[in-house]
PDB file of N, CA and C in Angstrom:
ATOM      1  N   UNK A   1     141.140  76.106 182.310  1.00  0.00           N
ATOM      2  CA  UNK A   1     140.318  77.278 182.204  1.00  0.00           C
ATOM      3  C   UNK A   1     141.147  78.481 181.747  1.00  0.00           C
ATOM      4  N   UNK A   2     142.364  78.604 182.255  1.00  0.00           N
ATOM      5  CA  UNK A   2     143.173  79.759 181.869  1.00  0.00           C
ATOM      6  C   UNK A   2     143.546  79.726 180.393  1.00  0.00           C
ATOM      7  N   UNK A   3     143.798  78.557 179.859  1.00  0.00           N
ATOM      8  CA  UNK A   3     144.083  78.464 178.426  1.00  0.00           C
ATOM      9  C   UNK A   3     142.853  78.905 177.639  1.00  0.00           C
ATOM     10  N   UNK A   4     141.667  78.498 178.072  1.00  0.00           N
ATOM     11  CA  UNK A   4     140.428  78.861 177.390  1.00  0.00           C
ATOM     12  C   UNK A   4     140.212  80.366 177.387  1.00  0.00           C
ATOM     13  N   UNK A   5     140.356  81.025 178.539  1.00  0.00           N
ATOM     14  CA  UNK A   5     140.094  82.469 178.609  1.00  0.00           C
ATOM     15  C   UNK A   5     141.271  83.304 178.130  1.00  0.00           C
ATOM     16  N   UNK A   6     142.433  82.686 177.992  1.00  0.00           N
ATOM     17  CA  UNK A   6     143.580  83.390 177.421  1.00  0.00           C
ATOM     18  C   UNK A   6     144.532  84.002 178.432  1.00  0.00           C
ATOM     19  N   UNK A   7     144.408  83.632 179.714  1.00  0.00           N
ATOM     20  CA  UNK A   7     145.372  84.119 180.687  1.00  0.00           C
ATOM     21  C   UNK A   7     146.549  83.157 180.762  1.00  0.00           C
ATOM     22  N   UNK A   8     147.599  83.581 181.417  1.00  0.00           N
ATOM     23  CA  UNK A   8     148.831  82.796 181.480  1.00  0.00           C
ATOM     24  C   UNK A   8     148.773  81.799 182.632  1.00  0.00           C
ATOM     25  N   UNK A   9     148.616  80.506 182.363  1.00  0.00           N
ATOM     26  CA  UNK A   9     148.521  79.517 183.437  1.00  0.00           C
ATOM     27  C   UNK A   9     149.817  79.336 184.222  1.00  0.00           C
ATOM     28  N   UNK A  10     150.934  79.824 183.699  1.00  0.00           N
ATOM     29  CA  UNK A  10     152.216  79.698 184.381  1.00  0.00           C
ATOM     30  C   UNK A  10     152.565  80.919 185.219  1.00  0.00           C
ATOM     31  N   UNK A  11     151.652  81.882 185.281  1.00  0.00           N
ATOM     32  CA  UNK A  11     151.902  83.132 186.005  1.00  0.00           C
ATOM     33  C   UNK A  11     150.691  83.414 186.886  1.00  0.00           C
ATOM     34  N   UNK A  12     150.893  83.436 188.186  1.00  0.00           N
ATOM     35  CA  UNK A  12     149.772  83.586 189.123  1.00  0.00           C
ATOM     36  C   UNK A  12     149.323  85.032 189.314  1.00  0.00           C
ATOM     37  N   UNK A  13     150.134  85.979 188.912  1.00  0.00           N
ATOM     38  CA  UNK A  13     149.824  87.381 189.174  1.00  0.00           C
ATOM     39  C   UNK A  13     150.410  88.250 188.061  1.00  0.00           C
ATOM     40  N   UNK A  14     149.696  89.302 187.644  1.00  0.00           N
ATOM     41  CA  UNK A  14     150.235  90.157 186.581  1.00  0.00           C
ATOM     42  C   UNK A  14     151.537  90.843 187.002  1.00  0.00           C
ATOM     43  N   UNK A  15     152.489  90.871 186.105  1.00  0.00           N
ATOM     44  CA  UNK A  15     153.763  91.546 186.357  1.00  0.00           C
ATOM     45  C   UNK A  15     153.691  93.024 185.999  1.00  0.00           C
ATOM     46  N   UNK A  16     152.768  93.373 185.100  1.00  0.00           N
ATOM     47  CA  UNK A  16     152.611  94.749 184.652  1.00  0.00           C
ATOM     48  C   UNK A  16     151.208  94.885 184.043  1.00  0.00           C
ATOM     49  N   UNK A  17     150.786  96.099 183.692  1.00  0.00           N
ATOM     50  CA  UNK A  17     149.424  96.297 183.183  1.00  0.00           C
ATOM     51  C   UNK A  17     149.090  95.592 181.861  1.00  0.00           C
ATOM     52  N   UNK A  18     150.066  95.034 181.183  1.00  0.00           N
ATOM     53  CA  UNK A  18     149.763  94.316 179.943  1.00  0.00           C
ATOM     54  C   UNK A  18     149.825  92.794 180.136  1.00  0.00           C
ATOM     55  N   UNK A  19     150.127  92.345 181.349  1.00  0.00           N
ATOM     56  CA  UNK A  19     150.255  90.913 181.638  1.00  0.00           C
ATOM     57  C   UNK A  19     148.915  90.362 182.123  1.00  0.00           C
ATOM     58  N   UNK A  20     148.261  89.601 181.284  1.00  0.00           N
ATOM     59  CA  UNK A  20     146.960  89.023 181.610  1.00  0.00           C
ATOM     60  C   UNK A  20     147.179  87.664 182.260  1.00  0.00           C
ATOM     61  N   UNK A  21     147.385  87.659 183.586  1.00  0.00           N
ATOM     62  CA  UNK A  21     147.812  86.442 184.266  1.00  0.00           C
ATOM     63  C   UNK A  21     146.785  85.817 185.193  1.00  0.00           C
ATOM     64  N   UNK A  22     145.821  86.572 185.691  1.00  0.00           N
ATOM     65  CA  UNK A  22     144.901  86.060 186.706  1.00  0.00           C
ATOM     66  C   UNK A  22     143.482  86.236 186.196  1.00  0.00           C
ATOM     67  N   UNK A  23     142.755  85.168 185.927  1.00  0.00           N
ATOM     68  CA  UNK A  23     141.445  85.274 185.273  1.00  0.00           C
ATOM     69  C   UNK A  23     140.457  86.289 185.859  1.00  0.00           C
ATOM     70  N   UNK A  24     140.245  86.388 187.163  1.00  0.00           N
ATOM     71  CA  UNK A  24     139.255  87.356 187.629  1.00  0.00           C
ATOM     72  C   UNK A  24     139.757  88.800 187.662  1.00  0.00           C
ATOM     73  N   UNK A  25     141.026  89.030 187.412  1.00  0.00           N
ATOM     74  CA  UNK A  25     141.608  90.371 187.456  1.00  0.00           C
ATOM     75  C   UNK A  25     141.557  91.005 186.063  1.00  0.00           C
ATOM     76  N   UNK A  26     140.395  91.528 185.714  1.00  0.00           N
ATOM     77  CA  UNK A  26     140.196  92.062 184.362  1.00  0.00           C
ATOM     78  C   UNK A  26     141.016  93.312 184.078  1.00  0.00           C
ATOM     79  N   UNK A  27     141.254  94.144 185.102  1.00  0.00           N
ATOM     80  CA  UNK A  27     142.015  95.370 184.862  1.00  0.00           C
ATOM     81  C   UNK A  27     143.512  95.214 185.161  1.00  0.00           C
ATOM     82  N   UNK A  28     143.919  94.009 185.491  1.00  0.00           N
ATOM     83  CA  UNK A  28     145.334  93.625 185.636  1.00  0.00           C
ATOM     84  C   UNK A  28     146.088  94.459 186.679  1.00  0.00           C
ATOM     85  N   UNK A  29     145.404  94.743 187.802  1.00  0.00           N
ATOM     86  CA  UNK A  29     146.042  95.520 188.860  1.00  0.00           C
ATOM     87  C   UNK A  29     146.409  94.670 190.079  1.00  0.00           C
ATOM     88  N   UNK A  30     146.345  93.348 189.932  1.00  0.00           N
ATOM     89  CA  UNK A  30     146.700  92.379 190.983  1.00  0.00           C
ATOM     90  C   UNK A  30     145.711  92.375 192.147  1.00  0.00           C
ATOM     91  N   UNK A  31     144.501  92.912 191.920  1.00  0.00           N
ATOM     92  CA  UNK A  31     143.436  92.893 192.925  1.00  0.00           C
ATOM     93  C   UNK A  31     142.121  92.574 192.236  1.00  0.00           C
ATOM     94  N   UNK A  32     141.243  91.878 192.924  1.00  0.00           N
ATOM     95  CA  UNK A  32     139.910  91.616 192.386  1.00  0.00           C
ATOM     96  C   UNK A  32     138.946  92.522 193.148  1.00  0.00           C
ATOM     97  N   UNK A  33     138.386  93.490 192.427  1.00  0.00           N
ATOM     98  CA  UNK A  33     137.490  94.478 193.026  1.00  0.00           C
ATOM     99  C   UNK A  33     136.199  94.560 192.229  1.00  0.00           C
ATOM    100  N   UNK A  34     135.312  95.394 192.690  1.00  0.00           N
ATOM    101  CA  UNK A  34     134.047  95.609 191.980  1.00  0.00           C
ATOM    102  C   UNK A  34     134.303  96.152 190.568  1.00  0.00           C
ATOM    103  N   UNK A  35     135.413  96.829 190.365  1.00  0.00           N
ATOM    104  CA  UNK A  35     135.738  97.329 189.026  1.00  0.00           C
ATOM    105  C   UNK A  35     135.917  96.178 188.035  1.00  0.00           C
ATOM    106  N   UNK A  36     136.505  95.086 188.480  1.00  0.00           N
ATOM    107  CA  UNK A  36     136.652  93.905 187.616  1.00  0.00           C
ATOM    108  C   UNK A  36     135.278  93.337 187.262  1.00  0.00           C
ATOM    109  N   UNK A  37     134.396  93.290 188.250  1.00  0.00           N
ATOM    110  CA  UNK A  37     133.038  92.790 188.021  1.00  0.00           C
ATOM    111  C   UNK A  37     132.303  93.684 187.023  1.00  0.00           C
ATOM    112  N   UNK A  38     132.412  94.995 187.215  1.00  0.00           N
ATOM    113  CA  UNK A  38     131.708  95.941 186.342  1.00  0.00           C
ATOM    114  C   UNK A  38     132.187  95.882 184.895  1.00  0.00           C
ATOM    115  N   UNK A  39     133.386  95.430 184.666  1.00  0.00           N
ATOM    116  CA  UNK A  39     133.896  95.308 183.292  1.00  0.00           C
ATOM    117  C   UNK A  39     133.117  94.267 182.493  1.00  0.00           C
ATOM    118  N   UNK A  40     132.355  93.417 183.176  1.00  0.00           N
ATOM    119  CA  UNK A  40     131.542  92.411 182.485  1.00  0.00           C
ATOM    120  C   UNK A  40     130.289  93.009 181.844  1.00  0.00           C
ATOM    121  N   UNK A  41     129.823  94.134 182.344  1.00  0.00           N
ATOM    122  CA  UNK A  41     128.541  94.682 181.876  1.00  0.00           C
ATOM    123  C   UNK A  41     128.449  94.804 180.354  1.00  0.00           C
ATOM    124  N   UNK A  42     129.403  95.450 179.681  1.00  0.00           N
ATOM    125  CA  UNK A  42     129.272  95.550 178.223  1.00  0.00           C
ATOM    126  C   UNK A  42     129.403  94.207 177.501  1.00  0.00           C
ATOM    127  N   UNK A  43     130.031  93.245 178.149  1.00  0.00           N
ATOM    128  CA  UNK A  43     130.231  91.933 177.529  1.00  0.00           C
ATOM    129  C   UNK A  43     128.986  91.060 177.620  1.00  0.00           C
ATOM    130  N   UNK A  44     128.063  91.407 178.527  1.00  0.00           N
ATOM    131  CA  UNK A  44     126.848  90.609 178.697  1.00  0.00           C
ATOM    132  C   UNK A  44     125.933  90.692 177.482  1.00  0.00           C
ATOM    133  N   UNK A  45     125.950  91.835 176.801  1.00  0.00           N
ATOM    134  CA  UNK A  45     125.078  91.983 175.631  1.00  0.00           C
ATOM    135  C   UNK A  45     125.852  92.236 174.342  1.00  0.00           C
ATOM    136  N   UNK A  46     127.149  92.368 174.430  1.00  0.00           N
ATOM    137  CA  UNK A  46     127.961  92.619 173.245  1.00  0.00           C
ATOM    138  C   UNK A  46     128.420  91.334 172.602  1.00  0.00           C
ATOM    139  N   UNK A  47     129.357  91.442 171.672  1.00  0.00           N
ATOM    140  CA  UNK A  47     129.891  90.238 171.030  1.00  0.00           C
ATOM    141  C   UNK A  47     130.618  89.361 172.056  1.00  0.00           C
ATOM    142  N   UNK A  48     130.581  88.077 171.828  1.00  0.00           N
ATOM    143  CA  UNK A  48     131.213  87.115 172.735  1.00  0.00           C
ATOM    144  C   UNK A  48     132.706  87.379 172.845  1.00  0.00           C
ATOM    145  N   UNK A  49     133.202  87.374 174.067  1.00  0.00           N
ATOM    146  CA  UNK A  49     134.621  87.547 174.341  1.00  0.00           C
ATOM    147  C   UNK A  49     135.015  86.471 175.357  1.00  0.00           C
ATOM    148  N   UNK A  50     135.766  85.486 174.918  1.00  0.00           N
ATOM    149  CA  UNK A  50     136.080  84.352 175.788  1.00  0.00           C
ATOM    150  C   UNK A  50     136.859  84.768 177.026  1.00  0.00           C
ATOM    151  N   UNK A  51     137.510  85.896 177.010  1.00  0.00           N
ATOM    152  CA  UNK A  51     138.241  86.382 178.190  1.00  0.00           C
ATOM    153  C   UNK A  51     137.299  86.575 179.384  1.00  0.00           C
ATOM    154  N   UNK A  52     136.039  86.882 179.110  1.00  0.00           N
ATOM    155  CA  UNK A  52     135.062  87.131 180.170  1.00  0.00           C
ATOM    156  C   UNK A  52     134.214  85.893 180.477  1.00  0.00           C
ATOM    157  N   UNK A  53     134.454  84.814 179.789  1.00  0.00           N
ATOM    158  CA  UNK A  53     133.698  83.570 179.978  1.00  0.00           C
ATOM    159  C   UNK A  53     134.410  82.708 181.020  1.00  0.00           C
ATOM    160  N   UNK A  54     134.340  83.129 182.273  1.00  0.00           N
ATOM    161  CA  UNK A  54     135.116  82.500 183.337  1.00  0.00           C
ATOM    162  C   UNK A  54     134.700  81.070 183.663  1.00  0.00           C
ATOM    163  N   UNK A  55     133.475  80.689 183.313  1.00  0.00           N
ATOM    164  CA  UNK A  55     133.077  79.293 183.558  1.00  0.00           C
ATOM    165  C   UNK A  55     133.182  78.447 182.291  1.00  0.00           C
ATOM    166  N   UNK A  56     133.691  79.009 181.242  1.00  0.00           N
ATOM    167  CA  UNK A  56     134.014  78.337 179.968  1.00  0.00           C
ATOM    168  C   UNK A  56     132.833  77.589 179.357  1.00  0.00           C
ATOM    169  N   UNK A  57     131.630  78.155 179.465  1.00  0.00           N
ATOM    170  CA  UNK A  57     130.454  77.478 178.912  1.00  0.00           C
ATOM    171  C   UNK A  57     130.050  77.989 177.533  1.00  0.00           C
ATOM    172  N   UNK A  58     130.834  78.893 176.957  1.00  0.00           N
ATOM    173  CA  UNK A  58     130.540  79.376 175.619  1.00  0.00           C
ATOM    174  C   UNK A  58     129.677  80.618 175.569  1.00  0.00           C
ATOM    175  N   UNK A  59     129.371  81.206 176.730  1.00  0.00           N
ATOM    176  CA  UNK A  59     128.638  82.467 176.740  1.00  0.00           C
ATOM    177  C   UNK A  59     129.017  83.265 177.972  1.00  0.00           C
ATOM    178  N   UNK A  60     128.965  84.577 177.828  1.00  0.00           N
ATOM    179  CA  UNK A  60     129.246  85.471 178.949  1.00  0.00           C
ATOM    180  C   UNK A  60     127.907  85.877 179.535  1.00  0.00           C
ATOM    181  N   UNK A  61     127.681  85.509 180.798  1.00  0.00           N
ATOM    182  CA  UNK A  61     126.405  85.801 181.434  1.00  0.00           C
ATOM    183  C   UNK A  61     126.589  85.918 182.947  1.00  0.00           C
ATOM    184  N   UNK A  62     125.482  85.985 183.667  1.00  0.00           N
ATOM    185  CA  UNK A  62     125.510  86.168 185.114  1.00  0.00           C
ATOM    186  C   UNK A  62     126.262  85.039 185.819  1.00  0.00           C
ATOM    187  N   UNK A  63     126.311  83.862 185.240  1.00  0.00           N
ATOM    188  CA  UNK A  63     127.039  82.758 185.860  1.00  0.00           C
ATOM    189  C   UNK A  63     128.534  83.065 185.967  1.00  0.00           C
ATOM    190  N   UNK A  64     129.057  83.807 185.007  1.00  0.00           N
ATOM    191  CA  UNK A  64     130.464  84.220 185.069  1.00  0.00           C
ATOM    192  C   UNK A  64     130.658  85.263 186.169  1.00  0.00           C
ATOM    193  N   UNK A  65     129.740  86.177 186.276  1.00  0.00           N
ATOM    194  CA  UNK A  65     129.819  87.216 187.304  1.00  0.00           C
ATOM    195  C   UNK A  65     129.730  86.606 188.705  1.00  0.00           C
ATOM    196  N   UNK A  66     128.885  85.621 188.882  1.00  0.00           N
ATOM    197  CA  UNK A  66     128.730  84.987 190.196  1.00  0.00           C
ATOM    198  C   UNK A  66     130.014  84.330 190.686  1.00  0.00           C
ATOM    199  N   UNK A  67     130.910  83.975 189.789  1.00  0.00           N
ATOM    200  CA  UNK A  67     132.181  83.364 190.186  1.00  0.00           C
ATOM    201  C   UNK A  67     133.063  84.326 190.973  1.00  0.00           C
ATOM    202  N   UNK A  68     132.771  85.617 190.885  1.00  0.00           N
ATOM    203  CA  UNK A  68     133.568  86.603 191.624  1.00  0.00           C
ATOM    204  C   UNK A  68     133.379  86.496 193.130  1.00  0.00           C
ATOM    205  N   UNK A  69     132.311  85.876 193.574  1.00  0.00           N
ATOM    206  CA  UNK A  69     132.057  85.761 195.007  1.00  0.00           C
ATOM    207  C   UNK A  69     133.266  85.152 195.735  1.00  0.00           C
ATOM    208  N   UNK A  70     133.911  84.190 195.119  1.00  0.00           N
ATOM    209  CA  UNK A  70     135.045  83.505 195.753  1.00  0.00           C
ATOM    210  C   UNK A  70     136.324  84.327 195.770  1.00  0.00           C
ATOM    211  N   UNK A  71     136.466  85.311 194.895  1.00  0.00           N
ATOM    212  CA  UNK A  71     137.732  86.031 194.791  1.00  0.00           C
ATOM    213  C   UNK A  71     137.634  87.527 195.086  1.00  0.00           C
ATOM    214  N   UNK A  72     136.438  88.061 195.219  1.00  0.00           N
ATOM    215  CA  UNK A  72     136.277  89.488 195.450  1.00  0.00           C
ATOM    216  C   UNK A  72     137.020  89.914 196.716  1.00  0.00           C
ATOM    217  N   UNK A  73     137.849  90.921 196.572  1.00  0.00           N
ATOM    218  CA  UNK A  73     138.645  91.412 197.705  1.00  0.00           C
ATOM    219  C   UNK A  73     140.030  90.791 197.805  1.00  0.00           C
ATOM    220  N   UNK A  74     140.301  89.787 197.001  1.00  0.00           N
ATOM    221  CA  UNK A  74     141.623  89.136 197.045  1.00  0.00           C
ATOM    222  C   UNK A  74     142.633  89.929 196.229  1.00  0.00           C
ATOM    223  N   UNK A  75     143.894  89.715 196.536  1.00  0.00           N
ATOM    224  CA  UNK A  75     144.972  90.297 195.739  1.00  0.00           C
ATOM    225  C   UNK A  75     146.060  89.244 195.598  1.00  0.00           C
ATOM    226  N   UNK A  76     146.968  89.496 194.690  1.00  0.00           N
ATOM    227  CA  UNK A  76     148.075  88.577 194.478  1.00  0.00           C
ATOM    228  C   UNK A  76     149.383  89.360 194.405  1.00  0.00           C
ATOM    229  N   UNK A  77     150.469  88.675 194.603  1.00  0.00           N
ATOM    230  CA  UNK A  77     151.790  89.279 194.488  1.00  0.00           C
ATOM    231  C   UNK A  77     152.713  88.313 193.757  1.00  0.00           C
ATOM    232  N   UNK A  78     153.676  88.858 193.122  1.00  0.00           N
ATOM    233  CA  UNK A  78     154.684  88.033 192.448  1.00  0.00           C
ATOM    234  C   UNK A  78     155.842  87.792 193.418  1.00  0.00           C
ATOM    235  N   UNK A  79     156.421  86.614 193.293  1.00  0.00           N
ATOM    236  CA  UNK A  79     157.563  86.310 194.196  1.00  0.00           C
ATOM    237  C   UNK A  79     158.745  87.227 193.942  1.00  0.00           C
TER     238      UNK A  79
END
């Protein structure tokens, strides 16, 4: 899934704001918050962006947003 959406499968947590390492962390701040969820809104009706297609079904829709239920409120750290 990480290869499909374009995140780094060998890195569990972003090292800096340009490191796209954790699929649900859209703003790359090492936390999954409502802000990450809200970043999907323009992608729901705009051009397809595979980065937001978290279930890898070829479209960005509510099914991708629902995946946040499992990670909302989580954070990560680098060793």
